[in-house]
N, C-alpha and C. Protein backbone atom coordinates (compact mmCIF):
# COMPACT_ATOMS: atom_id res chain seq x y z
N UNK A 1 13.64 -0.99 -22.19
CA UNK A 1 12.64 -2.01 -21.94
C UNK A 1 13.16 -2.94 -20.84
N UNK A 2 12.34 -3.13 -19.84
CA UNK A 2 12.73 -3.96 -18.72
C UNK A 2 12.16 -5.37 -18.90
N UNK A 3 13.02 -6.36 -18.74
CA UNK A 3 12.57 -7.73 -18.84
C UNK A 3 12.35 -8.29 -17.44
N UNK A 4 11.32 -9.07 -17.31
CA UNK A 4 11.00 -9.67 -16.03
C UNK A 4 11.46 -11.12 -16.03
N UNK A 5 12.00 -11.55 -14.90
CA UNK A 5 12.44 -12.92 -14.75
C UNK A 5 11.23 -13.82 -14.54
N UNK A 6 11.09 -14.84 -15.37
CA UNK A 6 9.98 -15.77 -15.27
C UNK A 6 10.47 -17.11 -14.73
N UNK A 7 9.77 -17.62 -13.74
CA UNK A 7 10.05 -18.94 -13.19
C UNK A 7 8.73 -19.70 -13.21
N UNK A 8 8.68 -20.78 -13.96
CA UNK A 8 7.48 -21.60 -14.11
C UNK A 8 6.27 -20.76 -14.53
N UNK A 9 6.51 -19.77 -15.36
CA UNK A 9 5.43 -18.95 -15.88
C UNK A 9 4.99 -17.82 -14.98
N UNK A 10 5.63 -17.62 -13.84
CA UNK A 10 5.28 -16.55 -12.92
C UNK A 10 6.39 -15.51 -12.89
N UNK A 11 6.01 -14.24 -12.79
CA UNK A 11 7.01 -13.19 -12.62
C UNK A 11 7.53 -13.24 -11.19
N UNK A 12 8.84 -13.22 -11.06
CA UNK A 12 9.45 -13.29 -9.72
C UNK A 12 9.11 -12.04 -8.92
N UNK A 13 9.00 -10.90 -9.58
CA UNK A 13 8.70 -9.66 -8.86
C UNK A 13 7.31 -9.70 -8.21
N UNK A 14 6.40 -10.49 -8.75
CA UNK A 14 5.06 -10.62 -8.16
C UNK A 14 5.05 -11.61 -7.00
N UNK A 15 6.02 -12.54 -6.98
CA UNK A 15 6.05 -13.58 -5.94
C UNK A 15 6.86 -13.18 -4.72
N UNK A 16 7.74 -12.20 -4.85
CA UNK A 16 8.61 -11.82 -3.73
C UNK A 16 7.82 -11.38 -2.50
N UNK A 17 6.76 -10.55 -2.62
CA UNK A 17 6.02 -10.19 -1.40
C UNK A 17 5.40 -11.40 -0.70
N UNK A 18 4.94 -12.38 -1.45
CA UNK A 18 4.34 -13.57 -0.83
C UNK A 18 5.40 -14.45 -0.17
N UNK A 19 6.59 -14.50 -0.74
CA UNK A 19 7.69 -15.23 -0.11
C UNK A 19 8.06 -14.57 1.21
N UNK A 20 8.17 -13.24 1.18
CA UNK A 20 8.47 -12.48 2.39
C UNK A 20 7.35 -12.63 3.41
N UNK A 21 6.12 -12.64 2.94
CA UNK A 21 4.97 -12.79 3.81
C UNK A 21 4.97 -14.16 4.49
N UNK A 22 5.37 -15.19 3.76
CA UNK A 22 5.45 -16.53 4.34
C UNK A 22 6.50 -16.61 5.44
N UNK A 23 7.65 -15.99 5.22
CA UNK A 23 8.71 -15.98 6.23
C UNK A 23 8.26 -15.21 7.47
N UNK A 24 7.66 -14.04 7.26
CA UNK A 24 7.20 -13.23 8.39
C UNK A 24 6.07 -13.94 9.12
N UNK A 25 5.16 -14.57 8.37
CA UNK A 25 4.07 -15.32 9.00
C UNK A 25 4.57 -16.46 9.86
N UNK A 26 5.58 -17.17 9.38
CA UNK A 26 6.18 -18.25 10.15
C UNK A 26 6.84 -17.71 11.42
N UNK A 27 7.53 -16.59 11.29
CA UNK A 27 8.22 -15.99 12.42
C UNK A 27 7.24 -15.49 13.48
N UNK A 28 6.22 -14.72 13.06
CA UNK A 28 5.27 -14.19 14.05
C UNK A 28 4.39 -15.31 14.62
N UNK A 29 4.14 -16.35 13.83
CA UNK A 29 3.41 -17.50 14.35
C UNK A 29 4.17 -18.21 15.45
N UNK A 30 5.48 -18.35 15.24
CA UNK A 30 6.33 -18.95 16.27
C UNK A 30 6.35 -18.09 17.52
N UNK A 31 6.45 -16.78 17.35
CA UNK A 31 6.43 -15.89 18.51
C UNK A 31 5.10 -15.96 19.25
N UNK A 32 4.01 -16.05 18.49
CA UNK A 32 2.68 -16.16 19.11
C UNK A 32 2.57 -17.44 19.93
N UNK A 33 3.06 -18.55 19.37
CA UNK A 33 2.99 -19.82 20.10
C UNK A 33 3.85 -19.76 21.35
N UNK A 34 5.04 -19.19 21.24
CA UNK A 34 5.91 -19.08 22.42
C UNK A 34 5.28 -18.20 23.49
N UNK A 35 4.52 -17.19 23.08
CA UNK A 35 3.87 -16.31 24.03
C UNK A 35 2.69 -17.00 24.71
N UNK A 36 1.93 -17.78 23.96
CA UNK A 36 0.70 -18.34 24.51
C UNK A 36 0.84 -19.75 25.07
N UNK A 37 1.94 -20.43 24.83
CA UNK A 37 2.06 -21.83 25.25
C UNK A 37 2.25 -21.97 26.76
N UNK A 38 2.74 -20.93 27.41
CA UNK A 38 2.99 -21.07 28.84
C UNK A 38 1.70 -21.06 29.66
N UNK A 39 0.58 -20.65 29.05
CA UNK A 39 -0.69 -20.65 29.76
C UNK A 39 -1.47 -21.96 29.57
N UNK A 40 -0.93 -22.87 28.79
CA UNK A 40 -1.64 -24.11 28.47
C UNK A 40 -1.03 -25.29 29.22
N UNK A 41 -1.87 -26.27 29.50
CA UNK A 41 -1.43 -27.52 30.12
C UNK A 41 -1.70 -28.64 29.12
N UNK A 42 -0.71 -29.49 28.87
CA UNK A 42 -0.84 -30.55 27.88
C UNK A 42 -0.74 -31.91 28.55
N UNK A 43 -1.52 -32.87 28.01
CA UNK A 43 -1.50 -34.22 28.55
C UNK A 43 -0.32 -35.02 28.02
N UNK A 44 0.02 -34.81 26.74
CA UNK A 44 1.15 -35.53 26.14
C UNK A 44 1.80 -34.66 25.07
N UNK A 45 2.86 -35.19 24.47
CA UNK A 45 3.61 -34.42 23.47
C UNK A 45 2.84 -34.23 22.17
N UNK A 46 1.97 -35.18 21.83
CA UNK A 46 1.19 -35.07 20.60
C UNK A 46 0.27 -33.86 20.66
N UNK A 47 -0.36 -33.66 21.80
CA UNK A 47 -1.24 -32.51 21.98
C UNK A 47 -0.45 -31.21 21.88
N UNK A 48 0.76 -31.21 22.39
CA UNK A 48 1.61 -30.02 22.33
C UNK A 48 2.02 -29.72 20.88
N UNK A 49 2.35 -30.76 20.11
CA UNK A 49 2.73 -30.58 18.70
C UNK A 49 1.55 -30.04 17.91
N UNK A 50 0.34 -30.58 18.16
CA UNK A 50 -0.84 -30.08 17.47
C UNK A 50 -1.10 -28.61 17.81
N UNK A 51 -0.88 -28.23 19.05
CA UNK A 51 -1.06 -26.85 19.48
C UNK A 51 -0.09 -25.93 18.75
N UNK A 52 1.16 -26.36 18.62
CA UNK A 52 2.17 -25.55 17.93
C UNK A 52 1.82 -25.40 16.45
N UNK A 53 1.44 -26.51 15.80
CA UNK A 53 1.09 -26.45 14.38
C UNK A 53 -0.13 -25.56 14.16
N UNK A 54 -1.14 -25.70 15.01
CA UNK A 54 -2.34 -24.89 14.86
C UNK A 54 -2.04 -23.41 15.12
N UNK A 55 -1.23 -23.11 16.11
CA UNK A 55 -0.90 -21.72 16.43
C UNK A 55 -0.12 -21.04 15.32
N UNK A 56 0.89 -21.73 14.80
CA UNK A 56 1.70 -21.15 13.72
C UNK A 56 0.85 -21.03 12.45
N UNK A 57 0.07 -22.06 12.15
CA UNK A 57 -0.75 -22.03 10.94
C UNK A 57 -1.81 -20.95 10.97
N UNK A 58 -2.48 -20.78 12.10
CA UNK A 58 -3.51 -19.76 12.19
C UNK A 58 -2.92 -18.36 12.12
N UNK A 59 -1.76 -18.16 12.71
CA UNK A 59 -1.11 -16.85 12.61
C UNK A 59 -0.65 -16.56 11.19
N UNK A 60 -0.16 -17.59 10.49
CA UNK A 60 0.24 -17.39 9.10
C UNK A 60 -0.98 -17.06 8.24
N UNK A 61 -2.11 -17.71 8.50
CA UNK A 61 -3.33 -17.43 7.75
C UNK A 61 -3.83 -16.01 8.00
N UNK A 62 -3.83 -15.58 9.25
CA UNK A 62 -4.25 -14.22 9.58
C UNK A 62 -3.29 -13.21 8.94
N UNK A 63 -2.00 -13.52 8.91
CA UNK A 63 -1.02 -12.64 8.27
C UNK A 63 -1.33 -12.50 6.79
N UNK A 64 -1.61 -13.59 6.11
CA UNK A 64 -1.90 -13.54 4.68
C UNK A 64 -3.20 -12.80 4.40
N UNK A 65 -4.25 -13.07 5.18
CA UNK A 65 -5.54 -12.41 4.97
C UNK A 65 -5.42 -10.91 5.20
N UNK A 66 -4.72 -10.51 6.25
CA UNK A 66 -4.57 -9.08 6.52
C UNK A 66 -3.72 -8.40 5.46
N UNK A 67 -2.74 -9.12 4.89
CA UNK A 67 -1.96 -8.56 3.78
C UNK A 67 -2.85 -8.29 2.58
N UNK A 68 -3.68 -9.26 2.24
CA UNK A 68 -4.57 -9.09 1.08
C UNK A 68 -5.55 -7.95 1.29
N UNK A 69 -6.07 -7.81 2.51
CA UNK A 69 -7.02 -6.73 2.81
C UNK A 69 -6.34 -5.37 2.70
N UNK A 70 -5.17 -5.22 3.32
CA UNK A 70 -4.49 -3.93 3.27
C UNK A 70 -4.01 -3.60 1.86
N UNK A 71 -3.63 -4.61 1.10
CA UNK A 71 -3.16 -4.36 -0.26
C UNK A 71 -4.31 -4.00 -1.18
N UNK A 72 -5.43 -4.69 -1.07
CA UNK A 72 -6.54 -4.49 -2.00
C UNK A 72 -7.37 -3.25 -1.65
N UNK A 73 -7.77 -3.12 -0.39
CA UNK A 73 -8.68 -2.05 -0.01
C UNK A 73 -7.97 -0.72 0.22
N UNK A 74 -6.83 -0.74 0.89
CA UNK A 74 -6.17 0.51 1.24
C UNK A 74 -5.11 0.92 0.23
N UNK A 75 -4.68 0.02 -0.60
CA UNK A 75 -3.69 0.25 -1.66
C UNK A 75 -2.44 0.96 -1.11
N UNK A 76 -1.94 0.43 -0.02
CA UNK A 76 -0.72 0.94 0.59
C UNK A 76 0.48 0.32 -0.12
N UNK A 77 1.67 0.87 0.08
CA UNK A 77 2.87 0.23 -0.49
C UNK A 77 3.03 -1.19 0.06
N UNK A 78 3.63 -2.06 -0.75
CA UNK A 78 3.73 -3.47 -0.37
C UNK A 78 4.51 -3.68 0.92
N UNK A 79 5.56 -2.90 1.12
CA UNK A 79 6.34 -3.08 2.34
C UNK A 79 5.52 -2.73 3.58
N UNK A 80 4.69 -1.70 3.48
CA UNK A 80 3.84 -1.33 4.60
C UNK A 80 2.74 -2.37 4.83
N UNK A 81 2.21 -2.92 3.75
CA UNK A 81 1.20 -3.99 3.87
C UNK A 81 1.78 -5.21 4.58
N UNK A 82 3.01 -5.57 4.24
CA UNK A 82 3.66 -6.72 4.88
C UNK A 82 3.91 -6.43 6.36
N UNK A 83 4.32 -5.20 6.68
CA UNK A 83 4.58 -4.85 8.08
C UNK A 83 3.30 -4.87 8.91
N UNK A 84 2.23 -4.30 8.37
CA UNK A 84 0.95 -4.29 9.09
C UNK A 84 0.43 -5.70 9.29
N UNK A 85 0.52 -6.51 8.25
CA UNK A 85 0.01 -7.88 8.37
C UNK A 85 0.86 -8.71 9.33
N UNK A 86 2.14 -8.43 9.42
CA UNK A 86 2.98 -9.11 10.40
C UNK A 86 2.56 -8.78 11.82
N UNK A 87 2.22 -7.52 12.06
CA UNK A 87 1.74 -7.13 13.39
C UNK A 87 0.41 -7.77 13.74
N UNK A 88 -0.48 -7.84 12.75
CA UNK A 88 -1.77 -8.49 12.99
C UNK A 88 -1.59 -9.99 13.20
N UNK A 89 -0.67 -10.59 12.44
CA UNK A 89 -0.40 -12.01 12.61
C UNK A 89 0.18 -12.33 13.97
N UNK A 90 0.95 -11.40 14.54
CA UNK A 90 1.51 -11.61 15.87
C UNK A 90 0.41 -11.64 16.93
N UNK A 91 -0.64 -10.87 16.70
CA UNK A 91 -1.76 -10.92 17.65
C UNK A 91 -2.37 -12.30 17.71
N UNK A 92 -2.34 -13.00 16.59
CA UNK A 92 -2.85 -14.36 16.55
C UNK A 92 -4.33 -14.42 16.23
N UNK A 93 -4.76 -15.57 15.78
CA UNK A 93 -6.14 -15.75 15.35
C UNK A 93 -7.12 -15.60 16.51
N UNK A 94 -6.77 -16.10 17.68
CA UNK A 94 -7.68 -16.01 18.82
C UNK A 94 -7.89 -14.56 19.24
N UNK A 95 -6.82 -13.79 19.28
CA UNK A 95 -6.93 -12.39 19.69
C UNK A 95 -7.69 -11.58 18.66
N UNK A 96 -7.44 -11.83 17.38
CA UNK A 96 -8.13 -11.08 16.33
C UNK A 96 -9.62 -11.42 16.33
N UNK A 97 -9.96 -12.69 16.52
CA UNK A 97 -11.38 -13.06 16.55
C UNK A 97 -12.07 -12.48 17.78
N UNK A 98 -11.40 -12.46 18.92
CA UNK A 98 -11.98 -11.86 20.12
C UNK A 98 -12.19 -10.36 19.93
N UNK A 99 -11.24 -9.70 19.28
CA UNK A 99 -11.37 -8.27 19.00
C UNK A 99 -12.53 -8.01 18.05
N UNK A 100 -12.67 -8.83 17.02
CA UNK A 100 -13.77 -8.67 16.06
C UNK A 100 -15.12 -8.92 16.73
N UNK A 101 -15.21 -9.93 17.59
CA UNK A 101 -16.47 -10.22 18.28
C UNK A 101 -16.84 -9.10 19.25
N UNK A 102 -15.87 -8.53 19.94
CA UNK A 102 -16.15 -7.41 20.83
C UNK A 102 -16.67 -6.21 20.06
N UNK A 103 -16.08 -5.95 18.90
CA UNK A 103 -16.53 -4.83 18.08
C UNK A 103 -17.94 -5.06 17.55
N UNK A 104 -18.27 -6.31 17.19
CA UNK A 104 -19.63 -6.62 16.74
C UNK A 104 -20.65 -6.50 17.87
N UNK A 105 -20.26 -6.90 19.08
CA UNK A 105 -21.17 -6.79 20.22
C UNK A 105 -21.49 -5.33 20.52
N UNK A 106 -20.51 -4.45 20.38
CA UNK A 106 -20.74 -3.03 20.64
C UNK A 106 -21.68 -2.42 19.61
N UNK A 107 -21.60 -2.89 18.37
CA UNK A 107 -22.46 -2.34 17.31
C UNK A 107 -23.88 -2.87 17.41
N UNK A 108 -24.05 -4.07 17.94
CA UNK A 108 -25.39 -4.64 18.05
C UNK A 108 -25.96 -4.27 19.39
């Protein structure tokens, strides 16, 4: 019989993919901001900080949403779901939304 480690009422084995997903989301969000920040012009440092927070946050959100989609609909192994969602998160929210809008325009 295998016992599961409980922390605050949650199984640690169920939380590990989300912890890993948060780290990967933060990493790919930072890479996305570093890639896209050179094309932007800022008036002051506050605007630059807001841009960084928004870029990292949106990439982390896209990473989490794509993880949930690949895990629920495709039922792939968790490690593959995390890898796919990291790649989608690197594309960033702007790129993913532009790709989705282009695909909708072609269908309509």
